[in-house]
mmCIF file of all heavy atoms, coordinates in Angstrom:
data_MODEL
# 
_entry.id   MODEL 
# 
loop_
_atom_site.group_PDB 
_atom_site.id 
_atom_site.type_symbol 
_atom_site.label_atom_id 
_atom_site.label_alt_id 
_atom_site.label_comp_id 
_atom_site.label_asym_id 
_atom_site.label_entity_id 
_atom_site.label_seq_id 
_atom_site.pdbx_PDB_ins_code 
_atom_site.Cartn_x 
_atom_site.Cartn_y 
_atom_site.Cartn_z 
_atom_site.occupancy 
_atom_site.B_iso_or_equiv 
_atom_site.pdbx_formal_charge 
_atom_site.auth_seq_id 
_atom_site.auth_comp_id 
_atom_site.auth_asym_id 
_atom_site.auth_atom_id 
_atom_site.pdbx_PDB_model_num 
ATOM 1   N N   . ALA A 1 1  ? -3.007  -58.833 -8.846  1.00 0.00 ? 1  ALA A N   1 
ATOM 2   C CA  . ALA A 1 1  ? -3.699  -57.591 -8.512  1.00 0.00 ? 1  ALA A CA  1 
ATOM 3   C C   . ALA A 1 1  ? -5.176  -57.816 -8.816  1.00 0.00 ? 1  ALA A C   1 
ATOM 4   O O   . ALA A 1 1  ? -5.573  -58.105 -9.938  1.00 0.00 ? 1  ALA A O   1 
ATOM 5   C CB  . ALA A 1 1  ? -3.144  -56.439 -9.441  1.00 0.00 ? 1  ALA A CB  1 
ATOM 6   N N   . TRP A 1 2  ? -6.022  -57.571 -7.805  1.00 0.00 ? 2  TRP A N   1 
ATOM 7   C CA  . TRP A 1 2  ? -7.463  -57.814 -7.901  1.00 0.00 ? 2  TRP A CA  1 
ATOM 8   C C   . TRP A 1 2  ? -8.217  -56.516 -8.092  1.00 0.00 ? 2  TRP A C   1 
ATOM 9   O O   . TRP A 1 2  ? -7.863  -55.425 -7.680  1.00 0.00 ? 2  TRP A O   1 
ATOM 10  C CB  . TRP A 1 2  ? -7.927  -58.442 -6.525  1.00 0.00 ? 2  TRP A CB  1 
ATOM 11  C CG  . TRP A 1 2  ? -7.621  -59.849 -6.363  1.00 0.00 ? 2  TRP A CG  1 
ATOM 12  C CD1 . TRP A 1 2  ? -6.499  -60.349 -5.834  1.00 0.00 ? 2  TRP A CD1 1 
ATOM 13  C CD2 . TRP A 1 2  ? -8.441  -60.914 -6.754  1.00 0.00 ? 2  TRP A CD2 1 
ATOM 14  N NE1 . TRP A 1 2  ? -6.541  -61.735 -5.819  1.00 0.00 ? 2  TRP A NE1 1 
ATOM 15  C CE2 . TRP A 1 2  ? -7.746  -62.110 -6.430  1.00 0.00 ? 2  TRP A CE2 1 
ATOM 16  C CE3 . TRP A 1 2  ? -9.692  -61.068 -7.347  1.00 0.00 ? 2  TRP A CE3 1 
ATOM 17  C CZ2 . TRP A 1 2  ? -8.187  -63.436 -6.655  1.00 0.00 ? 2  TRP A CZ2 1 
ATOM 18  C CZ3 . TRP A 1 2  ? -10.194 -62.323 -7.649  1.00 0.00 ? 2  TRP A CZ3 1 
ATOM 19  C CH2 . TRP A 1 2  ? -9.444  -63.466 -7.280  1.00 0.00 ? 2  TRP A CH2 1 
ATOM 20  N N   . SER A 1 3  ? -9.304  -56.670 -8.873  1.00 0.00 ? 3  SER A N   1 
ATOM 21  C CA  . SER A 1 3  ? -10.214 -55.559 -9.046  1.00 0.00 ? 3  SER A CA  1 
ATOM 22  C C   . SER A 1 3  ? -11.630 -56.027 -8.480  1.00 0.00 ? 3  SER A C   1 
ATOM 23  O O   . SER A 1 3  ? -12.117 -57.094 -8.886  1.00 0.00 ? 3  SER A O   1 
ATOM 24  C CB  . SER A 1 3  ? -10.389 -55.272 -10.562 1.00 0.00 ? 3  SER A CB  1 
ATOM 25  O OG  . SER A 1 3  ? -11.453 -54.279 -10.781 1.00 0.00 ? 3  SER A OG  1 
ATOM 26  N N   . ILE A 1 4  ? -12.187 -55.218 -7.597  1.00 0.00 ? 4  ILE A N   1 
ATOM 27  C CA  . ILE A 1 4  ? -13.404 -55.676 -6.880  1.00 0.00 ? 4  ILE A CA  1 
ATOM 28  C C   . ILE A 1 4  ? -14.547 -54.654 -7.214  1.00 0.00 ? 4  ILE A C   1 
ATOM 29  O O   . ILE A 1 4  ? -14.337 -53.458 -7.234  1.00 0.00 ? 4  ILE A O   1 
ATOM 30  C CB  . ILE A 1 4  ? -13.147 -55.617 -5.349  1.00 0.00 ? 4  ILE A CB  1 
ATOM 31  C CG1 . ILE A 1 4  ? -11.961 -56.447 -4.959  1.00 0.00 ? 4  ILE A CG1 1 
ATOM 32  C CG2 . ILE A 1 4  ? -14.405 -56.056 -4.593  1.00 0.00 ? 4  ILE A CG2 1 
ATOM 33  C CD1 . ILE A 1 4  ? -11.607 -56.341 -3.499  1.00 0.00 ? 4  ILE A CD1 1 
ATOM 34  N N   . ASP A 1 5  ? -15.667 -55.213 -7.506  1.00 0.00 ? 5  ASP A N   1 
ATOM 35  C CA  . ASP A 1 5  ? -16.888 -54.456 -7.764  1.00 0.00 ? 5  ASP A CA  1 
ATOM 36  C C   . ASP A 1 5  ? -17.451 -54.077 -6.436  1.00 0.00 ? 5  ASP A C   1 
ATOM 37  O O   . ASP A 1 5  ? -18.054 -54.863 -5.677  1.00 0.00 ? 5  ASP A O   1 
ATOM 38  C CB  . ASP A 1 5  ? -17.922 -55.269 -8.484  1.00 0.00 ? 5  ASP A CB  1 
ATOM 39  C CG  . ASP A 1 5  ? -19.105 -54.476 -8.984  1.00 0.00 ? 5  ASP A CG  1 
ATOM 40  O OD1 . ASP A 1 5  ? -19.610 -53.674 -8.153  1.00 0.00 ? 5  ASP A OD1 1 
ATOM 41  O OD2 . ASP A 1 5  ? -19.522 -54.595 -10.095 1.00 0.00 ? 5  ASP A OD2 1 
ATOM 42  N N   . GLU A 1 6  ? -17.223 -52.798 -5.978  1.00 0.00 ? 6  GLU A N   1 
ATOM 43  C CA  . GLU A 1 6  ? -17.623 -52.402 -4.690  1.00 0.00 ? 6  GLU A CA  1 
ATOM 44  C C   . GLU A 1 6  ? -19.106 -52.413 -4.453  1.00 0.00 ? 6  GLU A C   1 
ATOM 45  O O   . GLU A 1 6  ? -19.569 -52.630 -3.303  1.00 0.00 ? 6  GLU A O   1 
ATOM 46  C CB  . GLU A 1 6  ? -17.025 -50.988 -4.397  1.00 0.00 ? 6  GLU A CB  1 
ATOM 47  C CG  . GLU A 1 6  ? -15.501 -50.971 -4.454  1.00 0.00 ? 6  GLU A CG  1 
ATOM 48  C CD  . GLU A 1 6  ? -14.956 -49.572 -3.990  1.00 0.00 ? 6  GLU A CD  1 
ATOM 49  O OE1 . GLU A 1 6  ? -15.725 -48.831 -3.396  1.00 0.00 ? 6  GLU A OE1 1 
ATOM 50  O OE2 . GLU A 1 6  ? -13.773 -49.284 -4.296  1.00 0.00 ? 6  GLU A OE2 1 
ATOM 51  N N   . GLU A 1 7  ? -19.855 -52.129 -5.467  1.00 0.00 ? 7  GLU A N   1 
ATOM 52  C CA  . GLU A 1 7  ? -21.334 -52.166 -5.259  1.00 0.00 ? 7  GLU A CA  1 
ATOM 53  C C   . GLU A 1 7  ? -21.841 -53.565 -4.911  1.00 0.00 ? 7  GLU A C   1 
ATOM 54  O O   . GLU A 1 7  ? -22.661 -53.750 -4.075  1.00 0.00 ? 7  GLU A O   1 
ATOM 55  C CB  . GLU A 1 7  ? -21.990 -51.675 -6.498  1.00 0.00 ? 7  GLU A CB  1 
ATOM 56  C CG  . GLU A 1 7  ? -21.793 -50.166 -6.798  1.00 0.00 ? 7  GLU A CG  1 
ATOM 57  C CD  . GLU A 1 7  ? -22.641 -49.708 -7.979  1.00 0.00 ? 7  GLU A CD  1 
ATOM 58  O OE1 . GLU A 1 7  ? -23.411 -50.497 -8.601  1.00 0.00 ? 7  GLU A OE1 1 
ATOM 59  O OE2 . GLU A 1 7  ? -22.477 -48.492 -8.352  1.00 0.00 ? 7  GLU A OE2 1 
ATOM 60  N N   . LYS A 1 8  ? -21.362 -54.574 -5.670  1.00 0.00 ? 8  LYS A N   1 
ATOM 61  C CA  . LYS A 1 8  ? -21.744 -55.946 -5.394  1.00 0.00 ? 8  LYS A CA  1 
ATOM 62  C C   . LYS A 1 8  ? -21.240 -56.426 -4.000  1.00 0.00 ? 8  LYS A C   1 
ATOM 63  O O   . LYS A 1 8  ? -21.889 -57.170 -3.339  1.00 0.00 ? 8  LYS A O   1 
ATOM 64  C CB  . LYS A 1 8  ? -21.280 -56.871 -6.505  1.00 0.00 ? 8  LYS A CB  1 
ATOM 65  C CG  . LYS A 1 8  ? -22.012 -56.703 -7.779  1.00 0.00 ? 8  LYS A CG  1 
ATOM 66  C CD  . LYS A 1 8  ? -21.655 -57.794 -8.791  1.00 0.00 ? 8  LYS A CD  1 
ATOM 67  C CE  . LYS A 1 8  ? -22.509 -57.604 -10.063 1.00 0.00 ? 8  LYS A CE  1 
ATOM 68  N NZ  . LYS A 1 8  ? -23.983 -57.928 -9.753  1.00 0.00 ? 8  LYS A NZ  1 
ATOM 69  N N   . PHE A 1 9  ? -20.033 -55.951 -3.649  1.00 0.00 ? 9  PHE A N   1 
ATOM 70  C CA  . PHE A 1 9  ? -19.544 -56.322 -2.328  1.00 0.00 ? 9  PHE A CA  1 
ATOM 71  C C   . PHE A 1 9  ? -20.402 -55.745 -1.209  1.00 0.00 ? 9  PHE A C   1 
ATOM 72  O O   . PHE A 1 9  ? -20.629 -56.407 -0.229  1.00 0.00 ? 9  PHE A O   1 
ATOM 73  C CB  . PHE A 1 9  ? -18.065 -55.844 -2.171  1.00 0.00 ? 9  PHE A CB  1 
ATOM 74  C CG  . PHE A 1 9  ? -17.442 -56.251 -0.932  1.00 0.00 ? 9  PHE A CG  1 
ATOM 75  C CD1 . PHE A 1 9  ? -16.900 -57.517 -0.748  1.00 0.00 ? 9  PHE A CD1 1 
ATOM 76  C CD2 . PHE A 1 9  ? -17.425 -55.447 0.178   1.00 0.00 ? 9  PHE A CD2 1 
ATOM 77  C CE1 . PHE A 1 9  ? -16.291 -57.951 0.419   1.00 0.00 ? 9  PHE A CE1 1 
ATOM 78  C CE2 . PHE A 1 9  ? -16.838 -55.777 1.409   1.00 0.00 ? 9  PHE A CE2 1 
ATOM 79  C CZ  . PHE A 1 9  ? -16.287 -57.039 1.523   1.00 0.00 ? 9  PHE A CZ  1 
ATOM 80  N N   . GLU A 1 10 ? -20.877 -54.518 -1.434  1.00 0.00 ? 10 GLU A N   1 
ATOM 81  C CA  . GLU A 1 10 ? -21.771 -53.919 -0.366  1.00 0.00 ? 10 GLU A CA  1 
ATOM 82  C C   . GLU A 1 10 ? -23.008 -54.689 -0.223  1.00 0.00 ? 10 GLU A C   1 
ATOM 83  O O   . GLU A 1 10 ? -23.589 -54.788 0.891   1.00 0.00 ? 10 GLU A O   1 
ATOM 84  C CB  . GLU A 1 10 ? -22.076 -52.463 -0.816  1.00 0.00 ? 10 GLU A CB  1 
ATOM 85  C CG  . GLU A 1 10 ? -20.874 -51.515 -0.602  1.00 0.00 ? 10 GLU A CG  1 
ATOM 86  C CD  . GLU A 1 10 ? -20.534 -51.363 0.830   1.00 0.00 ? 10 GLU A CD  1 
ATOM 87  O OE1 . GLU A 1 10 ? -21.452 -51.451 1.682   1.00 0.00 ? 10 GLU A OE1 1 
ATOM 88  O OE2 . GLU A 1 10 ? -19.333 -51.209 1.115   1.00 0.00 ? 10 GLU A OE2 1 
ATOM 89  N N   . GLN A 1 11 ? -23.467 -55.351 -1.271  1.00 0.00 ? 11 GLN A N   1 
ATOM 90  C CA  . GLN A 1 11 ? -24.753 -56.117 -1.204  1.00 0.00 ? 11 GLN A CA  1 
ATOM 91  C C   . GLN A 1 11 ? -24.617 -57.324 -0.227  1.00 0.00 ? 11 GLN A C   1 
ATOM 92  O O   . GLN A 1 11 ? -25.620 -57.791 0.272   1.00 0.00 ? 11 GLN A O   1 
ATOM 93  C CB  . GLN A 1 11 ? -25.189 -56.549 -2.571  1.00 0.00 ? 11 GLN A CB  1 
ATOM 94  C CG  . GLN A 1 11 ? -25.560 -55.427 -3.518  1.00 0.00 ? 11 GLN A CG  1 
ATOM 95  C CD  . GLN A 1 11 ? -25.838 -55.918 -4.927  1.00 0.00 ? 11 GLN A CD  1 
ATOM 96  O OE1 . GLN A 1 11 ? -25.769 -57.130 -5.246  1.00 0.00 ? 11 GLN A OE1 1 
ATOM 97  N NE2 . GLN A 1 11 ? -26.100 -54.969 -5.848  1.00 0.00 ? 11 GLN A NE2 1 
ATOM 98  N N   . ILE A 1 12 ? -23.409 -57.843 -0.096  1.00 0.00 ? 12 ILE A N   1 
ATOM 99  C CA  . ILE A 1 12 ? -23.268 -59.077 0.733   1.00 0.00 ? 12 ILE A CA  1 
ATOM 100 C C   . ILE A 1 12 ? -22.488 -58.818 1.984   1.00 0.00 ? 12 ILE A C   1 
ATOM 101 O O   . ILE A 1 12 ? -22.401 -59.667 2.816   1.00 0.00 ? 12 ILE A O   1 
ATOM 102 C CB  . ILE A 1 12 ? -22.626 -60.212 -0.117  1.00 0.00 ? 12 ILE A CB  1 
ATOM 103 C CG1 . ILE A 1 12 ? -21.231 -59.767 -0.573  1.00 0.00 ? 12 ILE A CG1 1 
ATOM 104 C CG2 . ILE A 1 12 ? -23.489 -60.545 -1.290  1.00 0.00 ? 12 ILE A CG2 1 
ATOM 105 C CD1 . ILE A 1 12 ? -20.459 -60.856 -1.290  1.00 0.00 ? 12 ILE A CD1 1 
ATOM 106 N N   . SER A 1 13 ? -21.802 -57.665 2.115   1.00 0.00 ? 13 SER A N   1 
ATOM 107 C CA  . SER A 1 13 ? -20.855 -57.469 3.183   1.00 0.00 ? 13 SER A CA  1 
ATOM 108 C C   . SER A 1 13 ? -21.609 -57.425 4.563   1.00 0.00 ? 13 SER A C   1 
ATOM 109 O O   . SER A 1 13 ? -20.966 -57.730 5.577   1.00 0.00 ? 13 SER A O   1 
ATOM 110 C CB  . SER A 1 13 ? -20.085 -56.148 3.023   1.00 0.00 ? 13 SER A CB  1 
ATOM 111 O OG  . SER A 1 13 ? -20.963 -55.072 3.000   1.00 0.00 ? 13 SER A OG  1 
ATOM 112 N N   . GLY A 1 14 ? -22.887 -57.059 4.553   1.00 0.00 ? 14 GLY A N   1 
ATOM 113 C CA  . GLY A 1 14 ? -23.611 -56.987 5.753   1.00 0.00 ? 14 GLY A CA  1 
ATOM 114 C C   . GLY A 1 14 ? -24.586 -58.088 5.950   1.00 0.00 ? 14 GLY A C   1 
ATOM 115 O O   . GLY A 1 14 ? -25.589 -57.920 6.637   1.00 0.00 ? 14 GLY A O   1 
ATOM 116 N N   . ALA A 1 15 ? -24.306 -59.240 5.305   1.00 0.00 ? 15 ALA A N   1 
ATOM 117 C CA  . ALA A 1 15 ? -25.285 -60.374 5.366   1.00 0.00 ? 15 ALA A CA  1 
ATOM 118 C C   . ALA A 1 15 ? -25.492 -60.845 6.823   1.00 0.00 ? 15 ALA A C   1 
ATOM 119 O O   . ALA A 1 15 ? -26.608 -61.314 7.092   1.00 0.00 ? 15 ALA A O   1 
ATOM 120 C CB  . ALA A 1 15 ? -24.777 -61.478 4.408   1.00 0.00 ? 15 ALA A CB  1 
ATOM 121 N N   . VAL A 1 16 ? -24.466 -60.859 7.605   1.00 0.00 ? 16 VAL A N   1 
ATOM 122 C CA  . VAL A 1 16 ? -24.572 -61.337 8.950   1.00 0.00 ? 16 VAL A CA  1 
ATOM 123 C C   . VAL A 1 16 ? -24.645 -60.146 9.886   1.00 0.00 ? 16 VAL A C   1 
ATOM 124 O O   . VAL A 1 16 ? -23.672 -59.309 9.970   1.00 0.00 ? 16 VAL A O   1 
ATOM 125 C CB  . VAL A 1 16 ? -23.422 -62.285 9.333   1.00 0.00 ? 16 VAL A CB  1 
ATOM 126 C CG1 . VAL A 1 16 ? -23.552 -62.814 10.755  1.00 0.00 ? 16 VAL A CG1 1 
ATOM 127 C CG2 . VAL A 1 16 ? -23.332 -63.422 8.354   1.00 0.00 ? 16 VAL A CG2 1 
ATOM 128 N N   . ASP A 1 17 ? -25.684 -60.046 10.707  1.00 0.00 ? 17 ASP A N   1 
ATOM 129 C CA  . ASP A 1 17 ? -25.851 -58.867 11.576  1.00 0.00 ? 17 ASP A CA  1 
ATOM 130 C C   . ASP A 1 17 ? -24.677 -58.715 12.539  1.00 0.00 ? 17 ASP A C   1 
ATOM 131 O O   . ASP A 1 17 ? -24.274 -59.717 13.164  1.00 0.00 ? 17 ASP A O   1 
ATOM 132 C CB  . ASP A 1 17 ? -27.178 -58.974 12.367  1.00 0.00 ? 17 ASP A CB  1 
ATOM 133 C CG  . ASP A 1 17 ? -28.370 -58.834 11.505  1.00 0.00 ? 17 ASP A CG  1 
ATOM 134 O OD1 . ASP A 1 17 ? -28.257 -58.270 10.348  1.00 0.00 ? 17 ASP A OD1 1 
ATOM 135 O OD2 . ASP A 1 17 ? -29.484 -59.299 11.906  1.00 0.00 ? 17 ASP A OD2 1 
ATOM 136 N N   . GLY A 1 18 ? -24.123 -57.568 12.599  1.00 0.00 ? 18 GLY A N   1 
ATOM 137 C CA  . GLY A 1 18 ? -23.075 -57.293 13.555  1.00 0.00 ? 18 GLY A CA  1 
ATOM 138 C C   . GLY A 1 18 ? -21.679 -57.763 13.146  1.00 0.00 ? 18 GLY A C   1 
ATOM 139 O O   . GLY A 1 18 ? -20.785 -57.667 13.843  1.00 0.00 ? 18 GLY A O   1 
ATOM 140 N N   . GLN A 1 19 ? -21.648 -58.325 11.880  1.00 0.00 ? 19 GLN A N   1 
ATOM 141 C CA  . GLN A 1 19 ? -20.321 -58.851 11.348  1.00 0.00 ? 19 GLN A CA  1 
ATOM 142 C C   . GLN A 1 19 ? -20.038 -58.322 9.992   1.00 0.00 ? 19 GLN A C   1 
ATOM 143 O O   . GLN A 1 19 ? -19.586 -59.078 9.119   1.00 0.00 ? 19 GLN A O   1 
ATOM 144 C CB  . GLN A 1 19 ? -20.356 -60.409 11.422  1.00 0.00 ? 19 GLN A CB  1 
ATOM 145 C CG  . GLN A 1 19 ? -20.495 -60.960 12.741  1.00 0.00 ? 19 GLN A CG  1 
ATOM 146 C CD  . GLN A 1 19 ? -20.389 -62.443 12.761  1.00 0.00 ? 19 GLN A CD  1 
ATOM 147 O OE1 . GLN A 1 19 ? -19.701 -63.084 11.903  1.00 0.00 ? 19 GLN A OE1 1 
ATOM 148 N NE2 . GLN A 1 19 ? -21.020 -63.158 13.730  1.00 0.00 ? 19 GLN A NE2 1 
ATOM 149 N N   . SER A 1 20 ? -20.345 -57.097 9.771   1.00 0.00 ? 20 SER A N   1 
ATOM 150 C CA  . SER A 1 20 ? -20.089 -56.460 8.437   1.00 0.00 ? 20 SER A CA  1 
ATOM 151 C C   . SER A 1 20 ? -18.596 -56.525 8.151   1.00 0.00 ? 20 SER A C   1 
ATOM 152 O O   . SER A 1 20 ? -17.762 -56.239 9.034   1.00 0.00 ? 20 SER A O   1 
ATOM 153 C CB  . SER A 1 20 ? -20.577 -55.014 8.487   1.00 0.00 ? 20 SER A CB  1 
ATOM 154 O OG  . SER A 1 20 ? -20.361 -54.417 7.179   1.00 0.00 ? 20 SER A OG  1 
ATOM 155 N N   . GLN A 1 21 ? -18.243 -56.883 6.934   1.00 0.00 ? 21 GLN A N   1 
ATOM 156 C CA  . GLN A 1 21 ? -16.814 -57.052 6.524   1.00 0.00 ? 21 GLN A CA  1 
ATOM 157 C C   . GLN A 1 21 ? -16.344 -55.794 5.832   1.00 0.00 ? 21 GLN A C   1 
ATOM 158 O O   . GLN A 1 21 ? -17.127 -55.083 5.169   1.00 0.00 ? 21 GLN A O   1 
ATOM 159 C CB  . GLN A 1 21 ? -16.734 -58.250 5.593   1.00 0.00 ? 21 GLN A CB  1 
ATOM 160 C CG  . GLN A 1 21 ? -17.113 -59.555 6.175   1.00 0.00 ? 21 GLN A CG  1 
ATOM 161 C CD  . GLN A 1 21 ? -16.174 -59.990 7.289   1.00 0.00 ? 21 GLN A CD  1 
ATOM 162 O OE1 . GLN A 1 21 ? -14.995 -59.662 7.276   1.00 0.00 ? 21 GLN A OE1 1 
ATOM 163 N NE2 . GLN A 1 21 ? -16.710 -60.748 8.248   1.00 0.00 ? 21 GLN A NE2 1 
ATOM 164 N N   . GLU A 1 22 ? -15.119 -55.423 5.936   1.00 0.00 ? 22 GLU A N   1 
ATOM 165 C CA  . GLU A 1 22 ? -14.473 -54.371 5.286   1.00 0.00 ? 22 GLU A CA  1 
ATOM 166 C C   . GLU A 1 22 ? -14.039 -54.814 3.896   1.00 0.00 ? 22 GLU A C   1 
ATOM 167 O O   . GLU A 1 22 ? -13.847 -56.041 3.644   1.00 0.00 ? 22 GLU A O   1 
ATOM 168 C CB  . GLU A 1 22 ? -13.243 -53.829 6.035   1.00 0.00 ? 22 GLU A CB  1 
ATOM 169 C CG  . GLU A 1 22 ? -13.619 -53.210 7.375   1.00 0.00 ? 22 GLU A CG  1 
ATOM 170 C CD  . GLU A 1 22 ? -12.384 -52.699 8.097   1.00 0.00 ? 22 GLU A CD  1 
ATOM 171 O OE1 . GLU A 1 22 ? -11.236 -52.846 7.566   1.00 0.00 ? 22 GLU A OE1 1 
ATOM 172 O OE2 . GLU A 1 22 ? -12.537 -52.148 9.224   1.00 0.00 ? 22 GLU A OE2 1 
ATOM 173 N N   . LEU A 1 23 ? -13.896 -53.902 2.955   1.00 0.00 ? 23 LEU A N   1 
ATOM 174 C CA  . LEU A 1 23 ? -13.450 -54.219 1.649   1.00 0.00 ? 23 LEU A CA  1 
ATOM 175 C C   . LEU A 1 23 ? -12.040 -54.808 1.657   1.00 0.00 ? 23 LEU A C   1 
ATOM 176 O O   . LEU A 1 23 ? -11.108 -54.233 2.231   1.00 0.00 ? 23 LEU A O   1 
ATOM 177 C CB  . LEU A 1 23 ? -13.464 -52.947 0.818   1.00 0.00 ? 23 LEU A CB  1 
ATOM 178 C CG  . LEU A 1 23 ? -13.235 -53.164 -0.734  1.00 0.00 ? 23 LEU A CG  1 
ATOM 179 C CD1 . LEU A 1 23 ? -14.466 -53.858 -1.376  1.00 0.00 ? 23 LEU A CD1 1 
ATOM 180 C CD2 . LEU A 1 23 ? -13.051 -51.864 -1.469  1.00 0.00 ? 23 LEU A CD2 1 
ATOM 181 N N   . PRO A 1 24 ? -11.835 -55.986 1.092   1.00 0.00 ? 24 PRO A N   1 
ATOM 182 C CA  . PRO A 1 24 ? -10.515 -56.604 1.118   1.00 0.00 ? 24 PRO A CA  1 
ATOM 183 C C   . PRO A 1 24 ? -9.407  -55.826 0.393   1.00 0.00 ? 24 PRO A C   1 
ATOM 184 O O   . PRO A 1 24 ? -9.785  -55.036 -0.529  1.00 0.00 ? 24 PRO A O   1 
ATOM 185 C CB  . PRO A 1 24 ? -10.703 -57.989 0.457   1.00 0.00 ? 24 PRO A CB  1 
ATOM 186 C CG  . PRO A 1 24 ? -12.188 -58.197 0.559   1.00 0.00 ? 24 PRO A CG  1 
ATOM 187 C CD  . PRO A 1 24 ? -12.819 -56.847 0.423   1.00 0.00 ? 24 PRO A CD  1 
ATOM 188 N N   . GLU A 1 25 ? -8.209  -56.040 0.749   1.00 0.00 ? 25 GLU A N   1 
ATOM 189 C CA  . GLU A 1 25 ? -7.074  -55.460 -0.058  1.00 0.00 ? 25 GLU A CA  1 
ATOM 190 C C   . GLU A 1 25 ? -6.999  -56.143 -1.399  1.00 0.00 ? 25 GLU A C   1 
ATOM 191 O O   . GLU A 1 25 ? -7.569  -57.247 -1.573  1.00 0.00 ? 25 GLU A O   1 
ATOM 192 C CB  . GLU A 1 25 ? -5.776  -55.573 0.737   1.00 0.00 ? 25 GLU A CB  1 
ATOM 193 C CG  . GLU A 1 25 ? -5.759  -54.804 2.076   1.00 0.00 ? 25 GLU A CG  1 
ATOM 194 C CD  . GLU A 1 25 ? -5.824  -53.276 1.838   1.00 0.00 ? 25 GLU A CD  1 
ATOM 195 O OE1 . GLU A 1 25 ? -5.409  -52.812 0.672   1.00 0.00 ? 25 GLU A OE1 1 
ATOM 196 O OE2 . GLU A 1 25 ? -6.188  -52.535 2.750   1.00 0.00 ? 25 GLU A OE2 1 
ATOM 197 N N   . THR A 1 26 ? -6.298  -55.572 -2.331  1.00 0.00 ? 26 THR A N   1 
ATOM 198 C CA  . THR A 1 26 ? -6.401  -56.030 -3.685  1.00 0.00 ? 26 THR A CA  1 
ATOM 199 C C   . THR A 1 26 ? -5.082  -56.581 -4.263  1.00 0.00 ? 26 THR A C   1 
ATOM 200 O O   . THR A 1 26 ? -4.914  -56.683 -5.449  1.00 0.00 ? 26 THR A O   1 
ATOM 201 C CB  . THR A 1 26 ? -6.885  -54.868 -4.571  1.00 0.00 ? 26 THR A CB  1 
ATOM 202 O OG1 . THR A 1 26 ? -6.027  -53.757 -4.404  1.00 0.00 ? 26 THR A OG1 1 
ATOM 203 C CG2 . THR A 1 26 ? -8.281  -54.467 -4.193  1.00 0.00 ? 26 THR A CG2 1 
ATOM 204 N N   . THR A 1 27 ? -4.113  -56.860 -3.428  1.00 0.00 ? 27 THR A N   1 
ATOM 205 C CA  . THR A 1 27 ? -2.828  -57.454 -3.955  1.00 0.00 ? 27 THR A CA  1 
ATOM 206 C C   . THR A 1 27 ? -2.462  -58.663 -3.126  1.00 0.00 ? 27 THR A C   1 
ATOM 207 O O   . THR A 1 27 ? -2.765  -58.776 -1.937  1.00 0.00 ? 27 THR A O   1 
ATOM 208 C CB  . THR A 1 27 ? -1.684  -56.459 -3.885  1.00 0.00 ? 27 THR A CB  1 
ATOM 209 O OG1 . THR A 1 27 ? -1.488  -56.001 -2.533  1.00 0.00 ? 27 THR A OG1 1 
ATOM 210 C CG2 . THR A 1 27 ? -1.969  -55.219 -4.790  1.00 0.00 ? 27 THR A CG2 1 
# 
């Protein structure tokens, strides 16, 4: 079972223009 820091994920999820990633599932 994973715990993700959503704020830090937001900082890198849009690093590539047009390829923003959704928050991964946690299990």
